[in-house]
């Protein structure tokens, strides 16, 4: 049983090719209680993928990032988090299955 709750925050912009892998990484861990994705206006299907995941898993939330840059999106995502710990994941990175645990 995890000792802390973890909020994963992700800033995205046109990451349709990678977003499923990143969400799978985050949602595969018991300690992750929320995954907050701040999207800067993707037009490649990223938002639809996140929305579909959110409809199947209440831990996933999509927030709009009108700033369009990562720092603005991460700040927005972090400001809505309620977990004990924040963990940033980048949408265009492949993570090892035990990345969050480590």
C-alpha atoms as a PDB file:
ATOM      1  CA  UNK A   1       0.000   0.000   0.000  1.00  0.00           C
ATOM      2  CA  UNK A   2       1.470   3.375  -0.987  1.00  0.00           C
ATOM      3  CA  UNK A   3       2.381   5.829   1.738  1.00  0.00           C
ATOM      4  CA  UNK A   4       1.843   8.953  -0.363  1.00  0.00           C
ATOM      5  CA  UNK A   5      -0.580   9.945  -3.068  1.00  0.00           C
ATOM      6  CA  UNK A   6       1.012  11.114  -6.293  1.00  0.00           C
ATOM      7  CA  UNK A   7      -0.294  13.600  -8.841  1.00  0.00           C
ATOM      8  CA  UNK A   8       1.301  13.251 -12.258  1.00  0.00           C
ATOM      9  CA  UNK A   9       1.330  16.486 -14.245  1.00  0.00           C
ATOM     10  CA  UNK A  10       1.918  16.576 -17.986  1.00  0.00           C
ATOM     11  CA  UNK A  11       2.034  19.488 -20.428  1.00  0.00           C
ATOM     12  CA  UNK A  12       1.111  18.571 -23.993  1.00  0.00           C
ATOM     13  CA  UNK A  13       0.943  20.085 -27.433  1.00  0.00           C
ATOM     14  CA  UNK A  14       0.348  17.736 -30.363  1.00  0.00           C
ATOM     15  CA  UNK A  15       1.530  14.555 -28.647  1.00  0.00           C
ATOM     16  CA  UNK A  16      -0.985  12.092 -30.142  1.00  0.00           C
ATOM     17  CA  UNK A  17       1.784   9.643 -31.033  1.00  0.00           C
ATOM     18  CA  UNK A  18       2.990   9.363 -27.430  1.00  0.00           C
ATOM     19  CA  UNK A  19       0.223  10.311 -25.020  1.00  0.00           C
ATOM     20  CA  UNK A  20      -1.184   6.795 -24.572  1.00  0.00           C
ATOM     21  CA  UNK A  21       2.192   5.453 -23.449  1.00  0.00           C
ATOM     22  CA  UNK A  22       2.659   8.278 -20.949  1.00  0.00           C
ATOM     23  CA  UNK A  23      -0.858   7.828 -19.564  1.00  0.00           C
ATOM     24  CA  UNK A  24      -0.295   4.059 -19.318  1.00  0.00           C
ATOM     25  CA  UNK A  25       2.909   4.710 -17.378  1.00  0.00           C
ATOM     26  CA  UNK A  26       1.157   7.015 -14.927  1.00  0.00           C
ATOM     27  CA  UNK A  27      -2.026   5.011 -14.488  1.00  0.00           C
ATOM     28  CA  UNK A  28      -0.172   1.761 -13.940  1.00  0.00           C
ATOM     29  CA  UNK A  29       0.836   2.736 -10.412  1.00  0.00           C
ATOM     30  CA  UNK A  30      -1.335   2.439  -7.336  1.00  0.00           C
ATOM     31  CA  UNK A  31       0.113   5.561  -5.723  1.00  0.00           C
ATOM     32  CA  UNK A  32      -1.011   7.766  -8.634  1.00  0.00           C
ATOM     33  CA  UNK A  33      -4.300   9.300  -7.590  1.00  0.00           C
ATOM     34  CA  UNK A  34      -4.536  11.911 -10.328  1.00  0.00           C
ATOM     35  CA  UNK A  35      -3.090  12.584 -13.757  1.00  0.00           C
ATOM     36  CA  UNK A  36      -3.537  16.172 -14.839  1.00  0.00           C
ATOM     37  CA  UNK A  37      -2.787  16.963 -18.465  1.00  0.00           C
ATOM     38  CA  UNK A  38      -2.515  20.610 -19.480  1.00  0.00           C
ATOM     39  CA  UNK A  39      -2.958  20.841 -23.229  1.00  0.00           C
ATOM     40  CA  UNK A  40      -1.842  23.893 -25.171  1.00  0.00           C
ATOM     41  CA  UNK A  41      -4.340  23.533 -28.007  1.00  0.00           C
ATOM     42  CA  UNK A  42      -3.401  20.293 -29.736  1.00  0.00           C
ATOM     43  CA  UNK A  43      -4.901  19.731 -33.172  1.00  0.00           C
ATOM     44  CA  UNK A  44      -3.634  16.191 -33.832  1.00  0.00           C
ATOM     45  CA  UNK A  45      -6.062  14.175 -31.677  1.00  0.00           C
ATOM     46  CA  UNK A  46      -4.154  14.481 -28.385  1.00  0.00           C
ATOM     47  CA  UNK A  47      -7.098  16.139 -26.634  1.00  0.00           C
ATOM     48  CA  UNK A  48      -9.523  13.484 -27.866  1.00  0.00           C
ATOM     49  CA  UNK A  49      -7.252  10.693 -26.612  1.00  0.00           C
ATOM     50  CA  UNK A  50      -6.966  12.338 -23.193  1.00  0.00           C
ATOM     51  CA  UNK A  51     -10.729  12.927 -23.079  1.00  0.00           C
ATOM     52  CA  UNK A  52     -11.424   9.297 -23.903  1.00  0.00           C
ATOM     53  CA  UNK A  53      -9.055   8.160 -21.159  1.00  0.00           C
ATOM     54  CA  UNK A  54     -10.675  10.578 -18.704  1.00  0.00           C
ATOM     55  CA  UNK A  55     -14.092   9.097 -19.466  1.00  0.00           C
ATOM     56  CA  UNK A  56     -12.758   5.647 -18.516  1.00  0.00           C
ATOM     57  CA  UNK A  57     -10.573   6.621 -15.543  1.00  0.00           C
ATOM     58  CA  UNK A  58     -11.603   9.323 -13.075  1.00  0.00           C
ATOM     59  CA  UNK A  59      -7.968   9.946 -12.178  1.00  0.00           C
ATOM     60  CA  UNK A  60      -7.356  11.641 -15.550  1.00  0.00           C
ATOM     61  CA  UNK A  61      -8.194  15.326 -15.986  1.00  0.00           C
ATOM     62  CA  UNK A  62      -7.648  17.583 -18.986  1.00  0.00           C
ATOM     63  CA  UNK A  63      -7.081  21.287 -18.375  1.00  0.00           C
ATOM     64  CA  UNK A  64      -6.672  23.959 -21.013  1.00  0.00           C
ATOM     65  CA  UNK A  65      -3.319  25.684 -21.257  1.00  0.00           C
ATOM     66  CA  UNK A  66      -3.947  29.023 -22.958  1.00  0.00           C
ATOM     67  CA  UNK A  67      -0.252  29.908 -22.503  1.00  0.00           C
ATOM     68  CA  UNK A  68       0.676  27.059 -24.921  1.00  0.00           C
ATOM     69  CA  UNK A  69       4.150  26.702 -23.356  1.00  0.00           C
ATOM     70  CA  UNK A  70       5.211  23.918 -20.980  1.00  0.00           C
ATOM     71  CA  UNK A  71       5.914  26.079 -17.955  1.00  0.00           C
ATOM     72  CA  UNK A  72       2.467  27.658 -18.067  1.00  0.00           C
ATOM     73  CA  UNK A  73       0.795  24.279 -18.498  1.00  0.00           C
ATOM     74  CA  UNK A  74       2.737  22.672 -15.697  1.00  0.00           C
ATOM     75  CA  UNK A  75       1.881  25.537 -13.363  1.00  0.00           C
ATOM     76  CA  UNK A  76      -1.813  25.207 -14.233  1.00  0.00           C
ATOM     77  CA  UNK A  77      -1.757  21.451 -13.717  1.00  0.00           C
ATOM     78  CA  UNK A  78       0.113  21.750 -10.423  1.00  0.00           C
ATOM     79  CA  UNK A  79      -2.323  24.353  -9.138  1.00  0.00           C
ATOM     80  CA  UNK A  80      -5.217  21.883  -9.443  1.00  0.00           C
ATOM     81  CA  UNK A  81      -3.434  18.897  -7.900  1.00  0.00           C
ATOM     82  CA  UNK A  82      -4.513  17.609  -4.496  1.00  0.00           C
ATOM     83  CA  UNK A  83      -2.082  14.711  -3.970  1.00  0.00           C
ATOM     84  CA  UNK A  84       0.790  14.668  -1.476  1.00  0.00           C
ATOM     85  CA  UNK A  85       3.481  14.636  -4.172  1.00  0.00           C
ATOM     86  CA  UNK A  86       3.823  16.037  -7.680  1.00  0.00           C
ATOM     87  CA  UNK A  87       5.627  14.181 -10.440  1.00  0.00           C
ATOM     88  CA  UNK A  88       6.185  15.728 -13.835  1.00  0.00           C
ATOM     89  CA  UNK A  89       6.195  13.512 -16.891  1.00  0.00           C
ATOM     90  CA  UNK A  90       6.961  14.727 -20.389  1.00  0.00           C
ATOM     91  CA  UNK A  91       4.568  13.605 -23.088  1.00  0.00           C
ATOM     92  CA  UNK A  92       7.292  12.900 -25.636  1.00  0.00           C
ATOM     93  CA  UNK A  93       9.344  10.552 -23.461  1.00  0.00           C
ATOM     94  CA  UNK A  94       9.290   6.777 -23.053  1.00  0.00           C
ATOM     95  CA  UNK A  95       9.479   5.659 -19.430  1.00  0.00           C
ATOM     96  CA  UNK A  96      10.584   2.416 -17.833  1.00  0.00           C
ATOM     97  CA  UNK A  97       7.756   0.472 -16.201  1.00  0.00           C
ATOM     98  CA  UNK A  98       9.170   1.188 -12.714  1.00  0.00           C
ATOM     99  CA  UNK A  99       9.979   4.880 -13.270  1.00  0.00           C
ATOM    100  CA  UNK A 100       7.358   6.225 -10.868  1.00  0.00           C
ATOM    101  CA  UNK A 101       8.190   3.722  -8.140  1.00  0.00           C
ATOM    102  CA  UNK A 102      11.846   4.665  -8.292  1.00  0.00           C
END
